[in-house]
Each structure stands twice: as C-alpha cells, then as structure tokens.
PDB file of N, CA and C in Angstrom:
ATOM      1  N   UNK A   1      17.159 -26.868  43.889  1.00  0.00           N
ATOM      2  CA  UNK A   1      16.245 -25.690  44.584  1.00  0.00           C
ATOM      3  C   UNK A   1      15.443 -27.014  45.390  1.00  0.00           C
ATOM      4  N   UNK A   2      14.755 -25.607  45.967  1.00  0.00           N
ATOM      5  CA  UNK A   2      13.368 -26.463  46.815  1.00  0.00           C
ATOM      6  C   UNK A   2      12.222 -26.291  46.698  1.00  0.00           C
ATOM      7  N   UNK A   3      11.421 -27.224  47.544  1.00  0.00           N
ATOM      8  CA  UNK A   3       9.809 -26.852  46.836  1.00  0.00           C
ATOM      9  C   UNK A   3       9.680 -25.436  47.163  1.00  0.00           C
ATOM     10  N   UNK A   4       9.972 -24.649  48.130  1.00  0.00           N
ATOM     11  CA  UNK A   4       9.501 -23.277  48.944  1.00  0.00           C
ATOM     12  C   UNK A   4      10.345 -22.318  47.520  1.00  0.00           C
ATOM     13  N   UNK A   5      11.462 -22.310  46.943  1.00  0.00           N
ATOM     14  CA  UNK A   5      11.825 -21.570  46.031  1.00  0.00           C
ATOM     15  C   UNK A   5      10.866 -21.880  44.513  1.00  0.00           C
ATOM     16  N   UNK A   6      10.339 -23.308  44.154  1.00  0.00           N
ATOM     17  CA  UNK A   6       9.917 -23.270  43.255  1.00  0.00           C
ATOM     18  C   UNK A   6       8.558 -22.146  43.281  1.00  0.00           C
ATOM     19  N   UNK A   7       7.711 -22.714  44.825  1.00  0.00           N
ATOM     20  CA  UNK A   7       6.550 -21.585  44.720  1.00  0.00           C
ATOM     21  C   UNK A   7       7.021 -20.309  44.595  1.00  0.00           C
ATOM     22  N   UNK A   8       7.670 -19.499  44.924  1.00  0.00           N
ATOM     23  CA  UNK A   8       8.460 -18.445  44.681  1.00  0.00           C
ATOM     24  C   UNK A   8       8.625 -17.857  43.376  1.00  0.00           C
ATOM     25  N   UNK A   9       9.102 -18.778  43.037  1.00  0.00           N
ATOM     26  CA  UNK A   9       9.345 -18.542  41.078  1.00  0.00           C
ATOM     27  C   UNK A   9       7.636 -18.417  40.325  1.00  0.00           C
ATOM     28  N   UNK A  10       6.960 -19.531  40.725  1.00  0.00           N
ATOM     29  CA  UNK A  10       5.880 -19.821  40.048  1.00  0.00           C
ATOM     30  C   UNK A  10       5.387 -18.458  40.241  1.00  0.00           C
ATOM     31  N   UNK A  11       5.256 -17.783  41.837  1.00  0.00           N
ATOM     32  CA  UNK A  11       4.477 -16.936  42.664  1.00  0.00           C
ATOM     33  C   UNK A  11       4.949 -15.548  41.483  1.00  0.00           C
ATOM     34  N   UNK A  12       5.777 -15.188  40.976  1.00  0.00           N
ATOM     35  CA  UNK A  12       6.465 -14.033  40.500  1.00  0.00           C
ATOM     36  C   UNK A  12       6.737 -14.261  39.110  1.00  0.00           C
ATOM     37  N   UNK A  13       6.331 -15.363  38.519  1.00  0.00           N
ATOM     38  CA  UNK A  13       6.056 -15.644  37.076  1.00  0.00           C
ATOM     39  C   UNK A  13       4.575 -15.118  36.936  1.00  0.00           C
ATOM     40  N   UNK A  14       3.648 -15.623  37.711  1.00  0.00           N
ATOM     41  CA  UNK A  14       2.251 -15.163  37.751  1.00  0.00           C
ATOM     42  C   UNK A  14       2.055 -13.687  37.830  1.00  0.00           C
ATOM     43  N   UNK A  15       2.929 -13.107  38.894  1.00  0.00           N
ATOM     44  CA  UNK A  15       2.458 -11.979  38.844  1.00  0.00           C
ATOM     45  C   UNK A  15       3.425 -11.009  37.463  1.00  0.00           C
ATOM     46  N   UNK A  16       4.411 -11.303  36.935  1.00  0.00           N
ATOM     47  CA  UNK A  16       5.054 -10.651  36.122  1.00  0.00           C
ATOM     48  C   UNK A  16       4.432 -10.664  34.693  1.00  0.00           C
ATOM     49  N   UNK A  17       3.557 -11.822  34.541  1.00  0.00           N
ATOM     50  CA  UNK A  17       2.410 -12.396  33.388  1.00  0.00           C
ATOM     51  C   UNK A  17       1.281 -10.934  33.490  1.00  0.00           C
ATOM     52  N   UNK A  18       0.806 -11.063  34.846  1.00  0.00           N
ATOM     53  CA  UNK A  18      -0.165  -9.685  34.970  1.00  0.00           C
ATOM     54  C   UNK A  18       0.392  -8.428  34.569  1.00  0.00           C
ATOM     55  N   UNK A  19       1.982  -8.223  34.793  1.00  0.00           N
ATOM     56  CA  UNK A  19       2.525  -6.830  34.639  1.00  0.00           C
ATOM     57  C   UNK A  19       2.287  -6.469  33.437  1.00  0.00           C
ATOM     58  N   UNK A  20       2.874  -7.550  32.699  1.00  0.00           N
ATOM     59  CA  UNK A  20       3.127  -7.511  31.097  1.00  0.00           C
ATOM     60  C   UNK A  20       2.155  -7.359  30.514  1.00  0.00           C
ATOM     61  N   UNK A  21       0.906  -8.027  30.775  1.00  0.00           N
ATOM     62  CA  UNK A  21      -0.263  -7.540  29.751  1.00  0.00           C
ATOM     63  C   UNK A  21      -0.858  -6.086  29.755  1.00  0.00           C
ATOM     64  N   UNK A  22      -0.801  -5.840  28.282  1.00  0.00           N
ATOM     65  CA  UNK A  22      -1.194  -4.205  27.906  1.00  0.00           C
ATOM     66  C   UNK A  22      -2.256  -3.973  28.536  1.00  0.00           C
ATOM     67  N   UNK A  23      -2.275  -2.753  28.838  1.00  0.00           N
ATOM     68  CA  UNK A  23      -3.571  -1.964  29.140  1.00  0.00           C
ATOM     69  C   UNK A  23      -3.967  -1.245  28.556  1.00  0.00           C
ATOM     70  N   UNK A  24      -5.638  -1.067  28.172  1.00  0.00           N
ATOM     71  CA  UNK A  24      -6.326  -0.487  27.202  1.00  0.00           C
ATOM     72  C   UNK A  24      -5.903   1.171  27.365  1.00  0.00           C
ATOM     73  N   UNK A  25      -5.867   2.166  26.415  1.00  0.00           N
ATOM     74  CA  UNK A  25      -5.694   3.331  26.729  1.00  0.00           C
ATOM     75  C   UNK A  25      -6.396   3.549  26.053  1.00  0.00           C
ATOM     76  N   UNK A  26      -7.457   4.743  26.419  1.00  0.00           N
ATOM     77  CA  UNK A  26      -8.678   5.535  25.795  1.00  0.00           C
ATOM     78  C   UNK A  26      -8.294   6.510  24.825  1.00  0.00           C
ATOM     79  N   UNK A  27      -8.760   6.935  24.181  1.00  0.00           N
ATOM     80  CA  UNK A  27      -8.390   8.134  23.195  1.00  0.00           C
ATOM     81  C   UNK A  27      -9.810   8.885  23.329  1.00  0.00           C
ATOM     82  N   UNK A  28      -9.457  10.055  24.113  1.00  0.00           N
ATOM     83  CA  UNK A  28     -10.644  10.963  24.194  1.00  0.00           C
ATOM     84  C   UNK A  28     -11.175  11.373  23.142  1.00  0.00           C
ATOM     85  N   UNK A  29     -10.471  11.563  22.037  1.00  0.00           N
ATOM     86  CA  UNK A  29     -10.921  11.971  20.943  1.00  0.00           C
ATOM     87  C   UNK A  29     -11.725  11.531  20.029  1.00  0.00           C
ATOM     88  N   UNK A  30     -11.831  10.349  20.730  1.00  0.00           N
ATOM     89  CA  UNK A  30     -13.295   9.561  19.808  1.00  0.00           C
ATOM     90  C   UNK A  30     -14.451   9.544  20.475  1.00  0.00           C
ATOM     91  N   UNK A  31     -14.377  10.324  21.644  1.00  0.00           N
ATOM     92  CA  UNK A  31     -15.383  10.505  21.930  1.00  0.00           C
ATOM     93  C   UNK A  31     -16.004  11.287  22.522  1.00  0.00           C
ATOM     94  N   UNK A  32     -15.310  12.930  21.604  1.00  0.00           N
ATOM     95  CA  UNK A  32     -15.357  14.002  21.810  1.00  0.00           C
ATOM     96  C   UNK A  32     -16.723  14.671  20.509  1.00  0.00           C
ATOM     97  N   UNK A  33     -16.930  15.469  21.201  1.00  0.00           N
ATOM     98  CA  UNK A  33     -17.806  15.960  19.504  1.00  0.00           C
ATOM     99  C   UNK A  33     -17.243  17.209  18.987  1.00  0.00           C
ATOM    100  N   UNK A  34     -17.394  17.259  17.497  1.00  0.00           N
ATOM    101  CA  UNK A  34     -16.597  18.505  17.241  1.00  0.00           C
ATOM    102  C   UNK A  34     -17.468  19.830  17.602  1.00  0.00           C
ATOM    103  N   UNK A  35     -16.853  20.674  17.516  1.00  0.00           N
ATOM    104  CA  UNK A  35     -17.072  22.222  17.627  1.00  0.00           C
ATOM    105  C   UNK A  35     -18.416  22.830  17.111  1.00  0.00           C
ATOM    106  N   UNK A  36     -19.137  23.158  17.208  1.00  0.00           N
ATOM    107  CA  UNK A  36     -20.483  23.281  16.582  1.00  0.00           C
ATOM    108  C   UNK A  36     -20.319  25.013  15.881  1.00  0.00           C
ATOM    109  N   UNK A  37     -20.387  24.989  14.739  1.00  0.00           N
ATOM    110  CA  UNK A  37     -20.035  26.473  14.269  1.00  0.00           C
ATOM    111  C   UNK A  37     -21.421  26.953  13.756  1.00  0.00           C
ATOM    112  N   UNK A  38     -21.266  28.406  13.987  1.00  0.00           N
ATOM    113  CA  UNK A  38     -22.414  28.774  13.218  1.00  0.00           C
ATOM    114  C   UNK A  38     -22.449  29.659  12.232  1.00  0.00           C
ATOM    115  N   UNK A  39     -20.928  29.426  11.646  1.00  0.00           N
ATOM    116  CA  UNK A  39     -20.641  30.137  10.403  1.00  0.00           C
ATOM    117  C   UNK A  39     -20.693  28.818   9.331  1.00  0.00           C
ATOM    118  N   UNK A  40     -21.142  28.865   7.937  1.00  0.00           N
ATOM    119  CA  UNK A  40     -21.017  27.828   7.015  1.00  0.00           C
ATOM    120  C   UNK A  40     -19.844  27.747   6.049  1.00  0.00           C
ATOM    121  N   UNK A  41     -19.264  27.067   5.776  1.00  0.00           N
ATOM    122  CA  UNK A  41     -17.912  27.054   5.226  1.00  0.00           C
ATOM    123  C   UNK A  41     -17.956  27.664   4.027  1.00  0.00           C
ATOM    124  N   UNK A  42     -16.723  28.392   3.813  1.00  0.00           N
ATOM    125  CA  UNK A  42     -16.596  29.151   2.395  1.00  0.00           C
ATOM    126  C   UNK A  42     -16.529  28.381   1.230  1.00  0.00           C
ATOM    127  N   UNK A  43     -16.761  28.960   0.272  1.00  0.00           N
ATOM    128  CA  UNK A  43     -16.409  28.517  -0.854  1.00  0.00           C
ATOM    129  C   UNK A  43     -15.248  29.246  -1.454  1.00  0.00           C
ATOM    130  N   UNK A  44     -14.089  28.103  -1.959  1.00  0.00           N
ATOM    131  CA  UNK A  44     -12.755  28.791  -1.961  1.00  0.00           C
ATOM    132  C   UNK A  44     -12.289  28.768  -3.364  1.00  0.00           C
ATOM    133  N   UNK A  45     -13.200  28.231  -4.021  1.00  0.00           N
ATOM    134  CA  UNK A  45     -12.647  28.150  -5.696  1.00  0.00           C
ATOM    135  C   UNK A  45     -12.379  26.843  -5.873  1.00  0.00           C
ATOM    136  N   UNK A  46     -11.583  26.972  -7.431  1.00  0.00           N
ATOM    137  CA  UNK A  46     -10.922  25.919  -7.947  1.00  0.00           C
ATOM    138  C   UNK A  46      -9.376  25.978  -7.525  1.00  0.00           C
ATOM    139  N   UNK A  47      -8.459  25.054  -7.606  1.00  0.00           N
ATOM    140  CA  UNK A  47      -7.456  25.043  -7.908  1.00  0.00           C
ATOM    141  C   UNK A  47      -6.577  25.053  -8.975  1.00  0.00           C
ATOM    142  N   UNK A  48      -5.212  25.444  -8.793  1.00  0.00           N
ATOM    143  CA  UNK A  48      -4.645  26.105 -10.394  1.00  0.00           C
ATOM    144  C   UNK A  48      -4.576  25.392 -11.272  1.00  0.00           C
ATOM    145  N   UNK A  49      -4.624  23.962 -10.840  1.00  0.00           N
ATOM    146  CA  UNK A  49      -4.341  22.843 -11.909  1.00  0.00           C
ATOM    147  C   UNK A  49      -6.086  22.670 -12.533  1.00  0.00           C
ATOM    148  N   UNK A  50      -7.021  22.689 -11.691  1.00  0.00           N
ATOM    149  CA  UNK A  50      -8.184  22.406 -12.254  1.00  0.00           C
ATOM    150  C   UNK A  50      -8.745  23.506 -13.197  1.00  0.00           C
ATOM    151  N   UNK A  51      -8.214  24.933 -12.623  1.00  0.00           N
ATOM    152  CA  UNK A  51      -8.652  26.074 -13.721  1.00  0.00           C
ATOM    153  C   UNK A  51      -8.016  25.965 -15.116  1.00  0.00           C
ATOM    154  N   UNK A  52      -6.787  25.077 -14.870  1.00  0.00           N
ATOM    155  CA  UNK A  52      -5.932  25.251 -16.290  1.00  0.00           C
ATOM    156  C   UNK A  52      -6.764  24.311 -17.221  1.00  0.00           C
ATOM    157  N   UNK A  53      -7.367  23.198 -16.622  1.00  0.00           N
ATOM    158  CA  UNK A  53      -7.642  22.438 -17.516  1.00  0.00           C
ATOM    159  C   UNK A  53      -9.041  22.510 -17.915  1.00  0.00           C
ATOM    160  N   UNK A  54      -9.756  23.171 -17.084  1.00  0.00           N
ATOM    161  CA  UNK A  54     -11.201  23.648 -16.773  1.00  0.00           C
ATOM    162  C   UNK A  54     -12.096  22.395 -16.961  1.00  0.00           C
ATOM    163  N   UNK A  55     -11.468  21.132 -16.273  1.00  0.00           N
ATOM    164  CA  UNK A  55     -12.550  20.350 -16.392  1.00  0.00           C
ATOM    165  C   UNK A  55     -13.268  20.541 -14.637  1.00  0.00           C
ATOM    166  N   UNK A  56     -14.998  20.017 -14.664  1.00  0.00           N
ATOM    167  CA  UNK A  56     -15.056  20.196 -13.349  1.00  0.00           C
ATOM    168  C   UNK A  56     -15.922  18.530 -13.018  1.00  0.00           C
ATOM    169  N   UNK A  57     -16.233  17.769 -14.051  1.00  0.00           N
ATOM    170  CA  UNK A  57     -16.531  16.718 -13.526  1.00  0.00           C
ATOM    171  C   UNK A  57     -15.708  15.712 -12.578  1.00  0.00           C
ATOM    172  N   UNK A  58     -14.689  15.990 -12.602  1.00  0.00           N
ATOM    173  CA  UNK A  58     -13.687  14.669 -11.784  1.00  0.00           C
ATOM    174  C   UNK A  58     -12.927  15.514 -10.539  1.00  0.00           C
ATOM    175  N   UNK A  59     -13.712  16.332 -10.290  1.00  0.00           N
ATOM    176  CA  UNK A  59     -12.964  17.388  -9.251  1.00  0.00           C
ATOM    177  C   UNK A  59     -13.586  16.704  -7.682  1.00  0.00           C
ATOM    178  N   UNK A  60     -12.366  16.943  -6.845  1.00  0.00           N
ATOM    179  CA  UNK A  60     -13.248  16.585  -5.386  1.00  0.00           C
ATOM    180  C   UNK A  60     -12.779  17.650  -4.518  1.00  0.00           C
ATOM    181  N   UNK A  61     -13.331  17.522  -3.195  1.00  0.00           N
ATOM    182  CA  UNK A  61     -13.607  18.730  -2.322  1.00  0.00           C
ATOM    183  C   UNK A  61     -12.612  18.500  -1.459  1.00  0.00           C
ATOM    184  N   UNK A  62     -11.845  19.862  -0.999  1.00  0.00           N
ATOM    185  CA  UNK A  62     -11.057  19.366  -0.385  1.00  0.00           C
ATOM    186  C   UNK A  62     -11.072  20.331   1.006  1.00  0.00           C
ATOM    187  N   UNK A  63     -10.842  20.332   2.169  1.00  0.00           N
ATOM    188  CA  UNK A  63     -11.299  21.260   3.543  1.00  0.00           C
ATOM    189  C   UNK A  63      -9.818  21.767   3.723  1.00  0.00           C
ATOM    190  N   UNK A  64      -9.866  23.611   4.022  1.00  0.00           N
ATOM    191  CA  UNK A  64      -8.496  24.088   4.497  1.00  0.00           C
ATOM    192  C   UNK A  64      -9.212  24.639   5.738  1.00  0.00           C
ATOM    193  N   UNK A  65      -7.899  24.301   6.823  1.00  0.00           N
ATOM    194  CA  UNK A  65      -8.845  24.247   7.947  1.00  0.00           C
ATOM    195  C   UNK A  65      -7.997  25.914   8.564  1.00  0.00           C
ATOM    196  N   UNK A  66      -7.032  26.840   7.715  1.00  0.00           N
ATOM    197  CA  UNK A  66      -7.105  27.941   7.916  1.00  0.00           C
ATOM    198  C   UNK A  66      -8.269  29.033   7.602  1.00  0.00           C
ATOM    199  N   UNK A  67      -8.431  28.691   6.199  1.00  0.00           N
ATOM    200  CA  UNK A  67      -9.723  29.337   5.730  1.00  0.00           C
ATOM    201  C   UNK A  67     -10.817  29.317   6.018  1.00  0.00           C
ATOM    202  N   UNK A  68     -11.179  27.630   6.739  1.00  0.00           N
ATOM    203  CA  UNK A  68     -12.405  27.327   6.988  1.00  0.00           C
ATOM    204  C   UNK A  68     -13.448  27.005   5.795  1.00  0.00           C
ATOM    205  N   UNK A  69     -13.291  26.635   5.027  1.00  0.00           N
ATOM    206  CA  UNK A  69     -13.823  26.272   3.707  1.00  0.00           C
ATOM    207  C   UNK A  69     -13.230  25.351   2.823  1.00  0.00           C
ATOM    208  N   UNK A  70     -14.117  25.138   1.681  1.00  0.00           N
ATOM    209  CA  UNK A  70     -13.834  24.210   0.621  1.00  0.00           C
ATOM    210  C   UNK A  70     -13.222  24.741  -0.651  1.00  0.00           C
ATOM    211  N   UNK A  71     -12.241  23.954  -0.725  1.00  0.00           N
ATOM    212  CA  UNK A  71     -11.719  24.086  -2.412  1.00  0.00           C
ATOM    213  C   UNK A  71     -11.938  22.796  -3.164  1.00  0.00           C
ATOM    214  N   UNK A  72     -11.875  22.821  -4.468  1.00  0.00           N
ATOM    215  CA  UNK A  72     -11.997  21.476  -5.437  1.00  0.00           C
ATOM    216  C   UNK A  72     -10.902  21.769  -6.525  1.00  0.00           C
ATOM    217  N   UNK A  73     -10.176  20.221  -6.245  1.00  0.00           N
ATOM    218  CA  UNK A  73      -9.117  20.179  -6.929  1.00  0.00           C
ATOM    219  C   UNK A  73      -9.320  18.682  -7.623  1.00  0.00           C
ATOM    220  N   UNK A  74      -8.016  18.082  -8.139  1.00  0.00           N
ATOM    221  CA  UNK A  74      -7.991  16.772  -8.598  1.00  0.00           C
ATOM    222  C   UNK A  74      -7.550  16.332  -7.036  1.00  0.00           C
ATOM    223  N   UNK A  75      -7.968  14.864  -6.864  1.00  0.00           N
ATOM    224  CA  UNK A  75      -7.280  13.882  -5.906  1.00  0.00           C
ATOM    225  C   UNK A  75      -6.239  14.213  -5.358  1.00  0.00           C
ATOM    226  N   UNK A  76      -5.111  14.247  -5.891  1.00  0.00           N
ATOM    227  CA  UNK A  76      -3.720  14.330  -5.457  1.00  0.00           C
ATOM    228  C   UNK A  76      -3.295  15.338  -5.411  1.00  0.00           C
ATOM    229  N   UNK A  77      -4.269  16.962  -5.518  1.00  0.00           N
ATOM    230  CA  UNK A  77      -3.848  18.272  -4.996  1.00  0.00           C
ATOM    231  C   UNK A  77      -3.799  18.166  -3.147  1.00  0.00           C
ATOM    232  N   UNK A  78      -3.165  19.200  -2.870  1.00  0.00           N
ATOM    233  CA  UNK A  78      -3.041  19.233  -1.349  1.00  0.00           C
ATOM    234  C   UNK A  78      -2.846  20.694  -1.164  1.00  0.00           C
ATOM    235  N   UNK A  79      -2.714  21.523  -2.135  1.00  0.00           N
ATOM    236  CA  UNK A  79      -2.726  23.165  -1.724  1.00  0.00           C
ATOM    237  C   UNK A  79      -4.104  23.949  -1.867  1.00  0.00           C
ATOM    238  N   UNK A  80      -4.367  24.704  -0.582  1.00  0.00           N
ATOM    239  CA  UNK A  80      -5.429  25.409  -0.859  1.00  0.00           C
ATOM    240  C   UNK A  80      -4.998  26.788  -1.621  1.00  0.00           C
ATOM    241  N   UNK A  81      -5.481  26.701  -2.810  1.00  0.00           N
ATOM    242  CA  UNK A  81      -5.961  28.028  -3.699  1.00  0.00           C
ATOM    243  C   UNK A  81      -5.600  29.113  -2.916  1.00  0.00           C
ATOM    244  N   UNK A  82      -6.478  29.644  -2.062  1.00  0.00           N
ATOM    245  CA  UNK A  82      -6.049  31.026  -0.969  1.00  0.00           C
ATOM    246  C   UNK A  82      -5.328  30.962  -0.471  1.00  0.00           C
ATOM    247  N   UNK A  83      -4.921  30.114   0.993  1.00  0.00           N
ATOM    248  CA  UNK A  83      -3.768  30.139   1.738  1.00  0.00           C
ATOM    249  C   UNK A  83      -2.259  29.539   1.130  1.00  0.00           C
ATOM    250  N   UNK A  84      -2.795  28.795   0.504  1.00  0.00           N
ATOM    251  CA  UNK A  84      -1.076  27.654   0.405  1.00  0.00           C
ATOM    252  C   UNK A  84      -1.178  26.838   1.191  1.00  0.00           C
ATOM    253  N   UNK A  85      -2.266  26.490   2.221  1.00  0.00           N
ATOM    254  CA  UNK A  85      -1.636  25.067   3.521  1.00  0.00           C
ATOM    255  C   UNK A  85      -2.190  24.247   2.631  1.00  0.00           C
ATOM    256  N   UNK A  86      -1.275  23.306   3.025  1.00  0.00           N
ATOM    257  CA  UNK A  86      -1.181  22.012   2.820  1.00  0.00           C
ATOM    258  C   UNK A  86      -1.302  20.740   3.598  1.00  0.00           C
ATOM    259  N   UNK A  87      -2.121  21.312   4.717  1.00  0.00           N
ATOM    260  CA  UNK A  87      -2.136  20.222   5.954  1.00  0.00           C
ATOM    261  C   UNK A  87      -3.494  19.985   6.440  1.00  0.00           C
ATOM    262  N   UNK A  88      -4.560  20.502   5.360  1.00  0.00           N
ATOM    263  CA  UNK A  88      -5.825  19.921   5.213  1.00  0.00           C
ATOM    264  C   UNK A  88      -6.408  21.018   6.539  1.00  0.00           C
TER     265      UNK A  88
END
C-alpha cells in the first residue's frame, strides 16, 4: 500500500470511531412532573390474606392505579382487593 492509501485508511478509522461512540438518549420521564390531583387517594382496605391472618403490624401499603387508592397487605402480595389489578 502507498502512503496515500494509509492516510485514507487512518482517516476512515478515525471517522468510524466517531460514528461508533454511543450517543446519550435523554429519558423525558425523568424531567416530567407527575400530574397534580385534587383527589386524595382512596383507602381500599386489607387484602384477603391480611384479613384472614388478622395481623396489622407488618403490612405494607400498595398502590392501585385503577382504583387510585392504597390497599394494605404483605410484601409479596400484588392483587388489589377491590378490582383485582396486579399491575400497580
């Protein structure tokens, strides 16, 4: 190869390095503010398991997006006692 070919290869290598660098993709949800609601969250009660065991000391609050409320149950539970939603 000649010197001019070497220069061309080096130039393409430098350009390809610029092309291969990852660009930063901004996530808009990190900059958005949540909707301000005039409604207070509803109290949805206890899960079925918590009602059966009648224990209230170790219960965790869980959010139901369908009911717009908080229900209480054990850490591993995920089903809303009102509507059955399992997706938070």
